[in-house]
Amino acid sequence: MKTSRWTLPNLLTGFRFVAAPVLLWLAWHGYGIAFMMLLAIAFLTDLLDGFAARLSGQVSEFGATLDSWADVITYLTIAICCWWLWPEVVGREWLYVLLVVASCLLPAIAGVVKFGCFTSYHTWAVKLAAASMGSTLYVLFLGGPEWPFRIAAVVCILAAIEELLLTLILAEPESNVRSIWFILRRHSH
């Protein structure tokens, strides 16, 4: 029996696909506060979708892949929107913005090159990177200091390096991998 893809976790993830063009519209028209409010809701759905999947027993390969695609779309949308809304801040922090975008794109590209599909590891490091980036964006773009965003960008790159190493190590793609240490320990037994 085939299970439905219209589950609460997938609907929460799907919200980010719907939010992306609205975020772009808000940024293009200069609605910075509305952009930040909708982005907060998108971040919340990213936090809740995996939690809902585990609680309801609806963890799936489809959901993991959908979540990874939503993450990439969300981060690329954020980069474009922030450039439109706060070009002086993005210009000043261009290196760190580039690191964040690279941390999102490079693991995805590596997975497509090696496996012919999008990887969805969802490591602890990626979860930490997403949480730190989500919170420090608000600090940076609402007038706070730059250093929290810069630290979060480095955390994003470290998480991306772990994902790239996982792609090199694994013979086939896996979803919901805790960390590279979990895989290395599994291979040593």
Protein backbone atom coordinates (compact mmCIF):
# COMPACT_ATOMS: atom_id res chain seq x y z
CA MET A 1 0.00 0.00 0.00
CA LYS A 2 1.35 3.38 -1.02
CA THR A 3 1.42 6.05 1.67
CA SER A 4 0.28 9.58 0.96
CA ARG A 5 2.80 12.31 0.40
CA TRP A 6 0.28 14.84 1.76
CA THR A 7 1.48 14.46 5.34
CA LEU A 8 1.80 17.22 7.92
CA PRO A 9 5.64 17.11 7.77
CA ASN A 10 5.62 17.40 3.96
CA LEU A 11 3.05 20.20 4.08
CA LEU A 12 5.24 22.09 6.56
CA THR A 13 8.19 21.62 4.21
CA GLY A 14 6.06 22.61 1.22
CA PHE A 15 5.27 25.91 2.91
CA ARG A 16 8.85 27.00 2.19
CA PHE A 17 8.33 26.43 -1.54
CA VAL A 18 5.23 28.62 -1.42
CA ALA A 19 6.95 31.22 0.76
CA ALA A 20 9.96 31.66 -1.58
CA PRO A 21 8.20 33.70 -4.31
CA VAL A 22 6.35 35.72 -1.66
CA LEU A 23 9.67 36.47 0.08
CA LEU A 24 11.10 37.56 -3.28
CA TRP A 25 8.11 39.81 -3.91
CA LEU A 26 8.33 41.37 -0.44
CA ALA A 27 12.04 42.05 -0.83
CA TRP A 28 11.70 43.45 -4.35
CA HIS A 29 9.10 45.92 -3.09
CA GLY A 30 11.16 46.87 -0.04
CA TYR A 31 9.03 45.34 2.70
CA GLY A 32 11.90 44.38 5.00
CA ILE A 33 9.89 43.80 8.18
CA ALA A 34 7.24 41.71 6.38
CA PHE A 35 10.06 39.76 4.71
CA MET A 36 11.65 39.04 8.11
CA MET A 37 8.30 37.98 9.59
CA LEU A 38 7.53 35.54 6.76
CA LEU A 39 11.11 34.27 6.88
CA ALA A 40 10.67 33.57 10.61
CA ILE A 41 7.60 31.46 9.78
CA ALA A 42 9.58 29.63 7.07
CA PHE A 43 12.38 28.94 9.58
CA LEU A 44 9.79 27.68 12.06
CA THR A 45 8.35 25.24 9.50
CA ASP A 46 11.90 24.02 8.83
CA LEU A 47 12.30 23.35 12.53
CA LEU A 48 8.92 21.66 12.88
CA ASP A 49 8.81 19.45 9.76
CA GLY A 50 11.45 16.95 10.91
CA PHE A 51 10.10 17.00 14.45
CA ALA A 52 6.57 16.29 13.14
CA ALA A 53 7.88 13.50 10.89
CA ARG A 54 9.63 11.75 13.76
CA LEU A 55 6.72 12.22 16.20
CA SER A 56 4.14 10.91 13.74
CA GLY A 57 6.30 8.11 12.33
CA GLN A 58 6.17 9.73 8.88
CA VAL A 59 9.90 9.95 8.20
CA SER A 60 10.45 9.19 4.51
CA GLU A 61 13.03 9.47 1.76
CA PHE A 62 10.62 11.72 -0.12
CA GLY A 63 10.23 14.02 2.88
CA ALA A 64 13.98 14.17 3.47
CA THR A 65 14.64 15.05 -0.17
CA LEU A 66 11.79 17.57 -0.22
CA ASP A 67 13.26 19.20 2.90
CA SER A 68 16.72 19.45 1.32
CA TRP A 69 15.30 21.08 -1.81
CA ALA A 70 13.33 23.50 0.35
CA ASP A 71 16.52 24.36 2.26
CA VAL A 72 18.42 25.17 -0.95
CA ILE A 73 15.55 27.26 -2.33
CA THR A 74 15.15 29.09 0.98
CA TYR A 75 18.85 29.93 1.32
CA LEU A 76 19.15 31.12 -2.28
CA THR A 77 16.00 33.19 -1.83
CA ILE A 78 17.42 34.70 1.36
CA ALA A 79 20.64 35.69 -0.41
CA ILE A 80 18.77 37.41 -3.26
CA CYS A 81 16.27 39.10 -0.96
CA CYS A 82 18.90 40.39 1.44
CA TRP A 83 20.84 41.82 -1.50
CA TRP A 84 17.72 43.70 -2.60
CA LEU A 85 16.75 44.87 0.89
CA TRP A 86 20.14 45.59 2.45
CA PRO A 87 22.69 45.93 -0.39
CA GLU A 88 25.17 47.87 1.74
CA VAL A 89 25.25 45.15 4.42
CA VAL A 90 25.50 42.34 1.85
CA GLY A 91 28.25 44.26 0.03
CA ARG A 92 30.17 44.69 3.25
CA GLU A 93 29.67 41.02 4.25
CA TRP A 94 30.00 39.57 0.71
CA LEU A 95 32.61 36.98 1.65
CA TYR A 96 30.46 35.50 4.42
CA VAL A 97 27.34 35.62 2.25
CA LEU A 98 29.29 33.76 -0.43
CA LEU A 99 30.39 31.16 2.14
CA VAL A 100 26.77 30.56 3.16
CA VAL A 101 25.61 30.19 -0.45
CA ALA A 102 28.54 27.88 -1.23
CA SER A 103 27.78 25.80 1.87
CA CYS A 104 24.31 25.19 0.48
CA LEU A 105 25.18 24.60 -3.18
CA LEU A 106 28.45 22.62 -3.11
CA PRO A 107 27.16 19.59 -1.16
CA ALA A 108 24.08 19.48 -3.39
CA ILE A 109 26.20 19.61 -6.55
CA ALA A 110 28.57 16.94 -5.20
CA GLY A 111 25.62 14.63 -4.50
CA VAL A 112 24.21 15.09 -7.98
CA VAL A 113 27.64 14.47 -9.55
CA LYS A 114 28.36 11.31 -7.54
CA PHE A 115 24.91 9.81 -7.06
CA GLY A 116 22.84 11.45 -9.76
CA CYS A 117 20.44 12.75 -7.12
CA PHE A 118 20.09 15.30 -4.40
CA THR A 119 21.51 14.23 -1.02
CA SER A 120 19.57 14.84 2.18
CA TYR A 121 21.90 13.95 5.04
CA HIS A 122 20.40 16.33 7.64
CA THR A 123 23.42 16.02 9.92
CA TRP A 124 23.58 17.53 13.37
CA ALA A 125 26.13 20.03 12.01
CA VAL A 126 23.70 21.16 9.31
CA LYS A 127 20.97 21.59 11.92
CA LEU A 128 23.34 23.68 14.04
CA ALA A 129 24.34 25.70 10.95
CA ALA A 130 20.71 26.37 10.04
CA ALA A 131 19.82 27.44 13.58
CA SER A 132 22.83 29.73 13.88
CA MET A 133 22.29 31.24 10.43
CA GLY A 134 18.59 31.73 11.03
CA SER A 135 19.13 33.63 14.26
CA THR A 136 22.15 35.68 13.20
CA LEU A 137 20.48 36.93 10.02
CA TYR A 138 18.09 38.88 12.20
CA VAL A 139 20.91 40.31 14.28
CA LEU A 140 22.84 41.39 11.16
CA PHE A 141 20.01 42.83 9.06
CA LEU A 142 18.22 44.54 11.90
CA GLY A 143 21.30 46.59 12.77
CA GLY A 144 23.28 44.40 15.15
CA PRO A 145 26.95 43.44 15.01
CA GLU A 146 28.42 41.37 12.17
CA TRP A 147 30.43 38.85 14.20
CA PRO A 148 27.54 36.44 15.00
CA PHE A 149 26.72 36.18 11.27
CA ARG A 150 30.37 35.60 10.43
CA ILE A 151 30.64 32.81 12.99
CA ALA A 152 27.43 31.26 11.62
CA ALA A 153 28.89 31.40 8.09
CA VAL A 154 31.93 29.45 9.29
CA VAL A 155 29.63 26.91 10.97
CA CYS A 156 27.80 26.57 7.63
CA ILE A 157 31.07 25.86 5.81
CA LEU A 158 32.12 23.27 8.41
CA ALA A 159 28.73 21.55 8.02
CA ALA A 160 29.15 21.62 4.24
CA ILE A 161 32.60 20.05 4.51
CA GLU A 162 31.10 17.24 6.57
CA GLU A 163 28.43 16.71 3.90
CA LEU A 164 31.06 16.68 1.15
CA LEU A 165 33.06 14.08 3.09
CA LEU A 166 29.92 11.98 3.52
CA THR A 167 29.38 12.08 -0.23
CA LEU A 168 32.95 10.91 -0.77
CA ILE A 169 32.69 8.10 1.79
CA LEU A 170 29.23 6.69 1.09
CA ALA A 171 28.71 4.19 -1.73
CA GLU A 172 25.09 5.30 -2.15
CA PRO A 173 23.07 8.21 -0.78
CA GLU A 174 21.49 7.98 2.66
CA SER A 175 19.03 10.27 4.39
CA ASN A 176 19.05 11.51 7.96
CA VAL A 177 22.68 10.72 8.79
CA ARG A 178 23.61 12.01 12.25
CA SER A 179 27.25 12.78 11.52
CA ILE A 180 30.30 11.57 9.67
CA TRP A 181 31.47 9.95 12.91
CA PHE A 182 28.33 7.81 12.93
CA ILE A 183 29.13 6.58 9.40
CA LEU A 184 32.82 6.01 10.13
CA ARG A 185 31.96 4.08 13.29
CA ARG A 186 29.42 2.00 11.36
CA HIS A 187 32.01 1.19 8.66
CA SER A 188 34.60 0.17 11.28
CA HIS A 189 32.31 -2.52 12.75
